[in-house]
Amino acid sequence: MNFRREFRNKDENDVIYSRRLETLTLLDGKDMDISDVADEFKKDCRKLFFGYLLAFMFSASFLIFVMPYGNDSYDPAALLRDVIVITVFVCIMIYCIYGIVSIWKARYRSGYKGIRGTCENVVQTYSRSGNYCAYHCTTELGEHGIAFVNGLRPRVAEGDFIVYIRVVNHDLIYVDKRKGKNEY
């Protein structure tokens, strides 16, 4: 028996958004002009930077202040547990440093990737890791994809021209405010 399911469109013109925008063709930050959304981008970079900095400081303070006062015995199980905990917190610190450097590069050295497009649909989704808005978009190159942005309120509405920017592992979407908007 063949249990394979086939998903078909109701209409020939319906679009299936099966890919993430991050996997599509994105422009380098040096090839993109984001002067129209620079203020919002700066604000989001600041939020991300302080989030990574807070996680880094939490991990570092745990390693510096809590771990030395742990178990003084030479029990192998306790020693293994301490090694695992230290390894986890060191990995968190390394990831936070990577995030901080990437956000700095995105903000000051145009180290991001992005593209302009049109928002076709907005869907609010909820999961264990937070509230997200899923944006079904068509890029200026005609590709279709989905971007997931953390937050309760939608950043753009259906039919708006958008600017999609990918920083570290975060999707950022803004309304395209350029004069003489392009028709994608």
N, C-alpha and C. Protein backbone atom coordinates (compact mmCIF):
# COMPACT_ATOMS: atom_id res chain seq x y z
N MET A 1 0.84 -1.18 0.00
CA MET A 1 0.00 0.00 0.00
C MET A 1 0.88 1.24 0.00
N ASN A 2 0.47 2.20 -0.74
CA ASN A 2 1.21 3.44 -0.84
C ASN A 2 0.50 4.49 0.03
N PHE A 3 1.20 4.94 1.08
CA PHE A 3 0.61 5.92 2.00
C PHE A 3 1.07 7.34 1.69
N ARG A 4 1.72 7.53 0.56
CA ARG A 4 2.23 8.85 0.22
C ARG A 4 1.06 9.79 -0.08
N ARG A 5 1.09 10.95 0.53
CA ARG A 5 0.04 11.93 0.31
C ARG A 5 0.50 12.93 -0.74
N GLU A 6 -0.42 13.32 -1.55
CA GLU A 6 -0.11 14.34 -2.55
C GLU A 6 -0.95 15.56 -2.23
N PHE A 7 -0.27 16.70 -2.17
CA PHE A 7 -0.95 17.95 -1.90
C PHE A 7 -1.11 18.69 -3.23
N ARG A 8 -2.32 18.97 -3.57
CA ARG A 8 -2.58 19.65 -4.83
C ARG A 8 -3.26 20.97 -4.55
N ASN A 9 -3.00 21.92 -5.42
CA ASN A 9 -3.65 23.22 -5.31
C ASN A 9 -5.11 23.11 -5.73
N LYS A 10 -5.93 23.96 -5.15
CA LYS A 10 -7.32 24.02 -5.56
C LYS A 10 -7.43 24.66 -6.94
N ASP A 11 -6.53 25.57 -7.21
CA ASP A 11 -6.54 26.30 -8.46
C ASP A 11 -5.13 26.27 -9.04
N GLU A 12 -5.02 26.37 -10.32
CA GLU A 12 -3.70 26.35 -10.96
C GLU A 12 -2.87 27.56 -10.56
N ASN A 13 -3.50 28.68 -10.20
CA ASN A 13 -2.77 29.91 -9.90
C ASN A 13 -2.36 30.02 -8.43
N ASP A 14 -2.83 29.13 -7.57
CA ASP A 14 -2.44 29.18 -6.16
C ASP A 14 -0.96 28.88 -6.02
N VAL A 15 -0.32 29.55 -5.07
CA VAL A 15 1.11 29.38 -4.85
C VAL A 15 1.32 28.56 -3.59
N ILE A 16 2.27 27.64 -3.62
CA ILE A 16 2.63 26.87 -2.44
C ILE A 16 3.90 27.48 -1.86
N TYR A 17 3.84 27.92 -0.61
CA TYR A 17 4.99 28.51 0.06
C TYR A 17 5.68 27.42 0.86
N SER A 18 6.49 26.64 0.21
CA SER A 18 7.10 25.50 0.89
C SER A 18 8.51 25.78 1.37
N ARG A 19 9.09 26.90 0.99
CA ARG A 19 10.48 27.18 1.34
C ARG A 19 10.56 28.42 2.22
N ARG A 20 11.62 28.46 3.02
CA ARG A 20 11.88 29.64 3.83
C ARG A 20 12.56 30.69 2.96
N LEU A 21 12.37 31.95 3.28
CA LEU A 21 13.02 33.02 2.51
C LEU A 21 14.54 32.95 2.62
N GLU A 22 15.03 32.45 3.74
CA GLU A 22 16.48 32.38 3.93
C GLU A 22 17.15 31.42 2.95
N THR A 23 16.41 30.46 2.39
CA THR A 23 17.00 29.51 1.45
C THR A 23 16.91 30.00 0.00
N LEU A 24 16.24 31.11 -0.23
CA LEU A 24 16.11 31.64 -1.58
C LEU A 24 17.33 32.49 -1.91
N THR A 25 17.34 33.06 -3.10
CA THR A 25 18.44 33.92 -3.53
C THR A 25 18.34 35.25 -2.79
N LEU A 26 19.33 35.54 -1.95
CA LEU A 26 19.35 36.79 -1.18
C LEU A 26 20.53 37.64 -1.63
N LEU A 27 20.35 38.94 -1.57
CA LEU A 27 21.41 39.87 -1.93
C LEU A 27 22.32 40.11 -0.73
N ASP A 28 23.57 40.39 -1.01
CA ASP A 28 24.51 40.78 0.03
C ASP A 28 24.13 42.15 0.57
N GLY A 29 24.54 42.44 1.79
CA GLY A 29 24.24 43.73 2.38
C GLY A 29 24.85 44.89 1.64
N LYS A 30 25.99 44.66 0.99
CA LYS A 30 26.65 45.73 0.25
C LYS A 30 25.92 46.05 -1.05
N ASP A 31 25.11 45.11 -1.53
CA ASP A 31 24.36 45.31 -2.78
C ASP A 31 22.96 45.85 -2.54
N MET A 32 22.59 46.04 -1.29
CA MET A 32 21.23 46.44 -0.94
C MET A 32 21.24 47.80 -0.26
N ASP A 33 20.31 48.66 -0.64
CA ASP A 33 20.16 49.96 0.01
C ASP A 33 18.98 49.86 0.98
N ILE A 34 19.29 49.97 2.28
CA ILE A 34 18.21 49.89 3.28
C ILE A 34 18.08 51.21 4.04
N SER A 35 18.43 52.31 3.38
CA SER A 35 18.37 53.60 4.06
C SER A 35 16.95 53.96 4.50
N ASP A 36 15.94 53.44 3.80
CA ASP A 36 14.55 53.74 4.17
C ASP A 36 14.10 53.03 5.44
N VAL A 37 14.75 51.94 5.81
CA VAL A 37 14.38 51.20 7.02
C VAL A 37 15.53 51.17 8.03
N ALA A 38 16.49 52.07 7.88
CA ALA A 38 17.69 52.04 8.72
C ALA A 38 17.37 52.24 10.19
N ASP A 39 16.41 53.10 10.51
CA ASP A 39 16.09 53.35 11.93
C ASP A 39 15.50 52.11 12.60
N GLU A 40 14.56 51.45 11.92
CA GLU A 40 13.97 50.23 12.49
C GLU A 40 15.00 49.11 12.58
N PHE A 41 15.86 49.01 11.56
CA PHE A 41 16.90 47.99 11.56
C PHE A 41 17.88 48.23 12.72
N LYS A 42 18.22 49.48 12.96
CA LYS A 42 19.12 49.82 14.06
C LYS A 42 18.48 49.45 15.40
N LYS A 43 17.18 49.71 15.54
CA LYS A 43 16.48 49.38 16.78
C LYS A 43 16.45 47.86 17.01
N ASP A 44 16.16 47.10 15.95
CA ASP A 44 16.14 45.64 16.08
C ASP A 44 17.53 45.08 16.38
N CYS A 45 18.56 45.64 15.74
CA CYS A 45 19.93 45.19 16.02
C CYS A 45 20.30 45.46 17.47
N ARG A 46 19.86 46.59 17.98
CA ARG A 46 20.14 46.93 19.38
C ARG A 46 19.47 45.93 20.32
N LYS A 47 18.21 45.56 20.03
CA LYS A 47 17.50 44.57 20.86
C LYS A 47 18.21 43.22 20.82
N LEU A 48 18.57 42.77 19.63
CA LEU A 48 19.26 41.49 19.49
C LEU A 48 20.61 41.51 20.19
N PHE A 49 21.34 42.62 20.05
CA PHE A 49 22.65 42.75 20.68
C PHE A 49 22.54 42.62 22.19
N PHE A 50 21.59 43.33 22.78
CA PHE A 50 21.44 43.27 24.24
C PHE A 50 20.92 41.92 24.70
N GLY A 51 20.13 41.25 23.90
CA GLY A 51 19.69 39.89 24.24
C GLY A 51 20.86 38.92 24.28
N TYR A 52 21.73 38.97 23.27
CA TYR A 52 22.91 38.12 23.26
C TYR A 52 23.87 38.50 24.39
N LEU A 53 24.01 39.79 24.66
CA LEU A 53 24.89 40.24 25.73
C LEU A 53 24.38 39.77 27.09
N LEU A 54 23.07 39.83 27.31
CA LEU A 54 22.49 39.36 28.56
C LEU A 54 22.71 37.86 28.74
N ALA A 55 22.51 37.08 27.69
CA ALA A 55 22.74 35.63 27.77
C ALA A 55 24.22 35.33 28.03
N PHE A 56 25.11 36.10 27.41
CA PHE A 56 26.54 35.92 27.64
C PHE A 56 26.90 36.23 29.09
N MET A 57 26.38 37.34 29.62
CA MET A 57 26.69 37.71 31.00
C MET A 57 26.11 36.70 31.98
N PHE A 58 24.93 36.16 31.72
CA PHE A 58 24.35 35.13 32.58
C PHE A 58 25.24 33.89 32.60
N SER A 59 25.67 33.44 31.44
CA SER A 59 26.51 32.24 31.36
C SER A 59 27.85 32.46 32.04
N ALA A 60 28.45 33.62 31.78
CA ALA A 60 29.75 33.92 32.38
C ALA A 60 29.64 34.04 33.89
N SER A 61 28.59 34.71 34.38
CA SER A 61 28.45 34.86 35.83
C SER A 61 28.19 33.51 36.49
N PHE A 62 27.45 32.63 35.84
CA PHE A 62 27.23 31.29 36.39
C PHE A 62 28.56 30.55 36.50
N LEU A 63 29.37 30.62 35.45
CA LEU A 63 30.65 29.91 35.47
C LEU A 63 31.62 30.50 36.49
N ILE A 64 31.58 31.82 36.66
CA ILE A 64 32.53 32.48 37.56
C ILE A 64 32.11 32.37 39.02
N PHE A 65 30.82 32.59 39.30
CA PHE A 65 30.40 32.70 40.69
C PHE A 65 29.77 31.43 41.27
N VAL A 66 29.09 30.63 40.48
CA VAL A 66 28.37 29.48 41.02
C VAL A 66 29.17 28.20 40.94
N MET A 67 29.81 27.94 39.83
CA MET A 67 30.52 26.67 39.65
C MET A 67 31.66 26.44 40.64
N PRO A 68 32.44 27.45 41.03
CA PRO A 68 33.51 27.16 42.01
C PRO A 68 33.00 26.68 43.36
N TYR A 69 31.76 27.02 43.71
CA TYR A 69 31.21 26.61 45.00
C TYR A 69 30.38 25.35 44.89
N GLY A 70 30.59 24.59 43.84
CA GLY A 70 29.84 23.36 43.61
C GLY A 70 30.34 22.25 44.52
N ASN A 71 30.43 21.09 44.01
CA ASN A 71 30.77 19.89 44.75
C ASN A 71 32.28 19.82 44.98
N ASP A 72 32.71 19.65 46.24
CA ASP A 72 34.14 19.55 46.56
C ASP A 72 34.62 18.11 46.61
N SER A 73 33.72 17.16 46.49
CA SER A 73 34.14 15.76 46.54
C SER A 73 34.67 15.34 45.17
N TYR A 74 35.32 14.19 45.17
CA TYR A 74 35.87 13.67 43.93
C TYR A 74 35.02 12.51 43.40
N ASP A 75 33.74 12.64 43.56
CA ASP A 75 32.82 11.64 43.05
C ASP A 75 32.79 11.73 41.52
N PRO A 76 33.03 10.63 40.82
CA PRO A 76 33.07 10.69 39.35
C PRO A 76 31.76 11.16 38.72
N ALA A 77 30.62 10.80 39.31
CA ALA A 77 29.34 11.24 38.75
C ALA A 77 29.18 12.75 38.87
N ALA A 78 29.57 13.30 40.03
CA ALA A 78 29.48 14.75 40.22
C ALA A 78 30.47 15.47 39.31
N LEU A 79 31.65 14.90 39.14
CA LEU A 79 32.65 15.51 38.26
C LEU A 79 32.16 15.51 36.81
N LEU A 80 31.57 14.41 36.38
CA LEU A 80 31.03 14.33 35.02
C LEU A 80 29.89 15.33 34.83
N ARG A 81 29.02 15.46 35.82
CA ARG A 81 27.94 16.43 35.75
C ARG A 81 28.49 17.85 35.63
N ASP A 82 29.52 18.17 36.44
CA ASP A 82 30.12 19.50 36.37
C ASP A 82 30.76 19.76 35.01
N VAL A 83 31.41 18.77 34.44
CA VAL A 83 32.03 18.93 33.12
C VAL A 83 30.96 19.18 32.06
N ILE A 84 29.85 18.46 32.14
CA ILE A 84 28.77 18.66 31.17
C ILE A 84 28.16 20.04 31.31
N VAL A 85 27.93 20.49 32.55
CA VAL A 85 27.35 21.82 32.78
C VAL A 85 28.30 22.90 32.29
N ILE A 86 29.59 22.76 32.58
CA ILE A 86 30.56 23.75 32.12
C ILE A 86 30.61 23.78 30.60
N THR A 87 30.58 22.62 29.97
CA THR A 87 30.60 22.55 28.51
C THR A 87 29.39 23.24 27.90
N VAL A 88 28.22 23.03 28.48
CA VAL A 88 27.00 23.66 27.97
C VAL A 88 27.10 25.18 28.09
N PHE A 89 27.54 25.68 29.23
CA PHE A 89 27.62 27.13 29.41
C PHE A 89 28.72 27.76 28.56
N VAL A 90 29.81 27.05 28.34
CA VAL A 90 30.86 27.57 27.44
C VAL A 90 30.33 27.62 26.01
N CYS A 91 29.56 26.61 25.60
CA CYS A 91 28.96 26.63 24.26
C CYS A 91 27.97 27.78 24.11
N ILE A 92 27.20 28.05 25.15
CA ILE A 92 26.28 29.20 25.12
C ILE A 92 27.06 30.49 24.98
N MET A 93 28.17 30.61 25.69
CA MET A 93 28.99 31.82 25.60
C MET A 93 29.57 31.98 24.19
N ILE A 94 30.04 30.90 23.60
CA ILE A 94 30.60 30.97 22.24
C ILE A 94 29.53 31.38 21.24
N TYR A 95 28.33 30.81 21.38
CA TYR A 95 27.23 31.18 20.49
C TYR A 95 26.85 32.65 20.67
N CYS A 96 26.87 33.14 21.90
CA CYS A 96 26.55 34.55 22.16
C CYS A 96 27.61 35.47 21.55
N ILE A 97 28.86 35.08 21.64
CA ILE A 97 29.93 35.88 21.02
C ILE A 97 29.74 35.91 19.51
N TYR A 98 29.40 34.76 18.92
CA TYR A 98 29.13 34.70 17.48
C TYR A 98 27.96 35.63 17.13
N GLY A 99 26.90 35.63 17.92
CA GLY A 99 25.76 36.50 17.67
C GLY A 99 26.10 37.97 17.80
N ILE A 100 26.87 38.32 18.82
CA ILE A 100 27.27 39.72 19.03
C ILE A 100 28.11 40.21 17.87
N VAL A 101 29.08 39.41 17.44
CA VAL A 101 29.94 39.82 16.32
C VAL A 101 29.13 39.91 15.03
N SER A 102 28.23 38.98 14.80
CA SER A 102 27.41 39.01 13.58
C SER A 102 26.49 40.22 13.54
N ILE A 103 25.92 40.58 14.67
CA ILE A 103 25.05 41.76 14.72
C ILE A 103 25.87 43.02 14.52
N TRP A 104 27.06 43.08 15.08
CA TRP A 104 27.94 44.23 14.86
C TRP A 104 28.28 44.35 13.37
N LYS A 105 28.62 43.21 12.74
CA LYS A 105 28.93 43.23 11.31
C LYS A 105 27.72 43.66 10.49
N ALA A 106 26.53 43.19 10.86
CA ALA A 106 25.32 43.55 10.12
C ALA A 106 25.04 45.04 10.25
N ARG A 107 25.25 45.58 11.41
CA ARG A 107 24.92 46.99 11.65
C ARG A 107 25.95 47.93 11.04
N TYR A 108 27.22 47.65 11.21
CA TYR A 108 28.25 48.60 10.82
C TYR A 108 29.01 48.22 9.56
N ARG A 109 28.97 46.98 9.12
CA ARG A 109 29.73 46.53 7.95
C ARG A 109 28.86 45.92 6.86
N SER A 110 27.56 46.10 6.94
CA SER A 110 26.61 45.53 5.97
C SER A 110 26.79 44.03 5.81
N GLY A 111 26.94 43.33 6.93
CA GLY A 111 27.15 41.89 6.91
C GLY A 111 25.87 41.10 7.01
N TYR A 112 24.84 41.52 6.35
CA TYR A 112 23.56 40.82 6.37
C TYR A 112 23.21 40.40 4.95
N LYS A 113 22.17 39.62 4.82
CA LYS A 113 21.63 39.25 3.52
C LYS A 113 20.16 39.62 3.52
N GLY A 114 19.65 40.00 2.38
CA GLY A 114 18.25 40.39 2.32
C GLY A 114 17.75 40.54 0.91
N ILE A 115 16.47 40.87 0.80
CA ILE A 115 15.84 41.07 -0.50
C ILE A 115 14.55 41.84 -0.30
N ARG A 116 14.10 42.48 -1.35
CA ARG A 116 12.82 43.17 -1.33
C ARG A 116 11.76 42.30 -1.97
N GLY A 117 10.51 42.55 -1.63
CA GLY A 117 9.44 41.74 -2.19
C GLY A 117 8.08 42.27 -1.80
N THR A 118 7.09 41.39 -1.86
CA THR A 118 5.71 41.73 -1.53
C THR A 118 5.17 40.70 -0.55
N CYS A 119 4.44 41.17 0.45
CA CYS A 119 3.82 40.27 1.43
C CYS A 119 2.46 39.83 0.89
N GLU A 120 2.29 38.53 0.76
CA GLU A 120 1.04 37.98 0.23
C GLU A 120 0.04 37.63 1.33
N ASN A 121 0.55 37.18 2.49
CA ASN A 121 -0.34 36.71 3.55
C ASN A 121 0.41 36.78 4.88
N VAL A 122 -0.31 37.02 5.96
CA VAL A 122 0.26 37.04 7.30
C VAL A 122 -0.54 36.08 8.17
N VAL A 123 0.18 35.16 8.84
CA VAL A 123 -0.47 34.18 9.71
C VAL A 123 0.23 34.22 11.06
N GLN A 124 -0.55 34.36 12.15
CA GLN A 124 0.04 34.32 13.48
C GLN A 124 0.08 32.87 13.96
N THR A 125 1.26 32.46 14.45
CA THR A 125 1.43 31.10 14.95
C THR A 125 2.00 31.16 16.36
N TYR A 126 1.72 30.13 17.12
CA TYR A 126 2.18 30.04 18.50
C TYR A 126 2.88 28.71 18.69
N SER A 127 3.99 28.74 19.43
CA SER A 127 4.71 27.50 19.71
C SER A 127 5.31 27.59 21.11
N ARG A 128 6.03 26.54 21.49
CA ARG A 128 6.66 26.54 22.82
C ARG A 128 7.70 27.64 22.94
N SER A 129 8.32 28.00 21.84
CA SER A 129 9.40 28.98 21.90
C SER A 129 8.92 30.41 21.72
N GLY A 130 7.63 30.63 21.61
CA GLY A 130 7.13 32.00 21.55
C GLY A 130 6.04 32.20 20.51
N ASN A 131 5.70 33.45 20.32
CA ASN A 131 4.69 33.84 19.35
C ASN A 131 5.39 34.33 18.09
N TYR A 132 4.90 33.89 16.94
CA TYR A 132 5.52 34.25 15.68
C TYR A 132 4.46 34.70 14.69
N CYS A 133 4.88 35.52 13.76
CA CYS A 133 4.06 35.84 12.60
C CYS A 133 4.75 35.23 11.39
N ALA A 134 4.01 34.47 10.62
CA ALA A 134 4.54 33.87 9.40
C ALA A 134 4.11 34.74 8.23
N TYR A 135 5.09 35.22 7.47
CA TYR A 135 4.83 36.08 6.33
C TYR A 135 5.06 35.29 5.05
N HIS A 136 4.03 35.15 4.24
CA HIS A 136 4.16 34.49 2.94
C HIS A 136 4.50 35.59 1.94
N CYS A 137 5.68 35.50 1.34
CA CYS A 137 6.19 36.60 0.52
C CYS A 137 6.58 36.13 -0.87
N THR A 138 6.54 37.08 -1.80
CA THR A 138 7.08 36.89 -3.14
C THR A 138 8.21 37.90 -3.30
N THR A 139 9.41 37.42 -3.64
CA THR A 139 10.56 38.31 -3.75
C THR A 139 10.54 39.04 -5.08
N GLU A 140 11.45 40.01 -5.21
CA GLU A 140 11.53 40.77 -6.45
C GLU A 140 12.02 39.90 -7.61
N LEU A 141 12.58 38.73 -7.30
CA LEU A 141 13.02 37.80 -8.33
C LEU A 141 11.94 36.80 -8.71
N GLY A 142 10.75 36.91 -8.08
CA GLY A 142 9.63 36.04 -8.40
C GLY A 142 9.60 34.74 -7.62
N GLU A 143 10.46 34.58 -6.62
CA GLU A 143 10.47 33.36 -5.81
C GLU A 143 9.50 33.53 -4.64
N HIS A 144 8.94 32.42 -4.17
CA HIS A 144 7.98 32.44 -3.07
C HIS A 144 8.60 31.78 -1.85
N GLY A 145 8.35 32.38 -0.67
CA GLY A 145 8.88 31.80 0.55
C GLY A 145 8.19 32.35 1.78
N ILE A 146 8.56 31.78 2.93
CA ILE A 146 7.97 32.14 4.22
C ILE A 146 9.06 32.68 5.13
N ALA A 147 8.75 33.73 5.87
CA ALA A 147 9.64 34.26 6.90
C ALA A 147 8.89 34.23 8.22
N PHE A 148 9.56 33.77 9.27
CA PHE A 148 8.97 33.74 10.61
C PHE A 148 9.65 34.81 11.46
N VAL A 149 8.86 35.76 11.96
CA VAL A 149 9.38 36.85 12.78
C VAL A 149 8.75 36.74 14.15
N ASN A 150 9.59 36.80 15.19
CA ASN A 150 9.13 36.71 16.56
C ASN A 150 8.38 37.98 16.94
N GLY A 151 7.21 37.83 17.54
CA GLY A 151 6.46 38.99 17.98
C GLY A 151 4.97 38.75 17.94
N LEU A 152 4.23 39.58 18.66
CA LEU A 152 2.78 39.44 18.72
C LEU A 152 2.07 40.19 17.60
N ARG A 153 2.59 41.38 17.27
CA ARG A 153 1.94 42.20 16.26
C ARG A 153 2.59 41.98 14.90
N PRO A 154 1.79 41.91 13.85
CA PRO A 154 2.37 41.83 12.51
C PRO A 154 3.10 43.12 12.15
N ARG A 155 4.25 42.99 11.53
CA ARG A 155 5.04 44.16 11.14
C ARG A 155 4.56 44.76 9.83
N VAL A 156 4.02 43.93 8.96
CA VAL A 156 3.51 44.41 7.67
C VAL A 156 2.13 43.81 7.44
N ALA A 157 1.40 44.39 6.52
CA ALA A 157 0.06 43.88 6.18
C ALA A 157 0.11 43.20 4.81
N GLU A 158 -0.95 42.52 4.49
CA GLU A 158 -1.03 41.86 3.19
C GLU A 158 -0.99 42.89 2.08
N GLY A 159 -0.20 42.62 1.06
CA GLY A 159 -0.09 43.52 -0.09
C GLY A 159 0.98 44.58 0.05
N ASP A 160 1.62 44.71 1.20
CA ASP A 160 2.68 45.71 1.38
C ASP A 160 3.95 45.27 0.69
N PHE A 161 4.70 46.26 0.21
CA PHE A 161 6.05 45.99 -0.26
C PHE A 161 6.94 45.87 0.96
N ILE A 162 7.83 44.88 0.98
CA ILE A 162 8.61 44.59 2.18
C ILE A 162 10.10 44.61 1.88
N VAL A 163 10.87 44.74 2.97
CA VAL A 163 12.31 44.53 2.95
C VAL A 163 12.58 43.41 3.93
N TYR A 164 13.16 42.31 3.44
CA TYR A 164 13.48 41.15 4.27
C TYR A 164 14.98 41.15 4.52
N ILE A 165 15.37 41.06 5.80
CA ILE A 165 16.79 41.03 6.17
C ILE A 165 17.02 39.84 7.08
N ARG A 166 18.09 39.11 6.83
CA ARG A 166 18.47 37.94 7.64
C ARG A 166 19.74 38.27 8.39
N VAL A 167 19.67 38.27 9.74
CA VAL A 167 20.83 38.54 10.60
C VAL A 167 20.97 37.37 11.56
N VAL A 168 22.14 36.80 11.65
CA VAL A 168 22.46 35.61 12.43
C VAL A 168 21.45 34.52 12.07
N ASN A 169 20.48 34.26 12.92
CA ASN A 169 19.42 33.30 12.58
C ASN A 169 18.06 33.94 12.83
N HIS A 170 17.98 35.24 12.62
CA HIS A 170 16.75 36.00 12.85
C HIS A 170 16.25 36.57 11.53
N ASP A 171 14.95 36.42 11.29
CA ASP A 171 14.29 37.04 10.14
C ASP A 171 13.76 38.39 10.58
N LEU A 172 14.04 39.43 9.81
CA LEU A 172 13.52 40.77 10.09
C LEU A 172 12.78 41.25 8.85
N ILE A 173 11.59 41.78 9.04
CA ILE A 173 10.78 42.27 7.93
C ILE A 173 10.33 43.69 8.24
N TYR A 174 10.44 44.55 7.23
CA TYR A 174 10.03 45.95 7.37
C TYR A 174 9.20 46.35 6.16
N VAL A 175 8.38 47.38 6.33
CA VAL A 175 7.62 47.94 5.22
C VAL A 175 8.58 48.75 4.36
N ASP A 176 8.56 48.53 3.06
CA ASP A 176 9.41 49.26 2.11
C ASP A 176 8.87 50.68 1.99
N LYS A 177 9.66 51.67 2.41
CA LYS A 177 9.19 53.06 2.44
C LYS A 177 9.80 53.90 1.33
N ARG A 178 10.44 53.27 0.36
CA ARG A 178 11.06 54.05 -0.72
C ARG A 178 10.00 54.78 -1.53
N LYS A 179 10.39 55.96 -2.03
CA LYS A 179 9.50 56.69 -2.93
C LYS A 179 9.59 56.05 -4.29
N GLY A 180 8.48 55.99 -4.99
CA GLY A 180 8.47 55.35 -6.30
C GLY A 180 8.71 53.87 -6.17
N LYS A 181 7.91 53.20 -5.35
CA LYS A 181 8.10 51.78 -5.09
C LYS A 181 8.10 50.98 -6.39
N ASN A 182 8.92 49.97 -6.42
CA ASN A 182 8.96 49.09 -7.58
C ASN A 182 7.76 48.16 -7.56
N GLU A 183 7.27 47.81 -8.72
CA GLU A 183 6.23 46.79 -8.81
C GLU A 183 6.93 45.47 -9.07
N TYR A 184 6.93 44.61 -8.10
CA TYR A 184 7.62 43.32 -8.24
C TYR A 184 6.70 42.35 -8.92
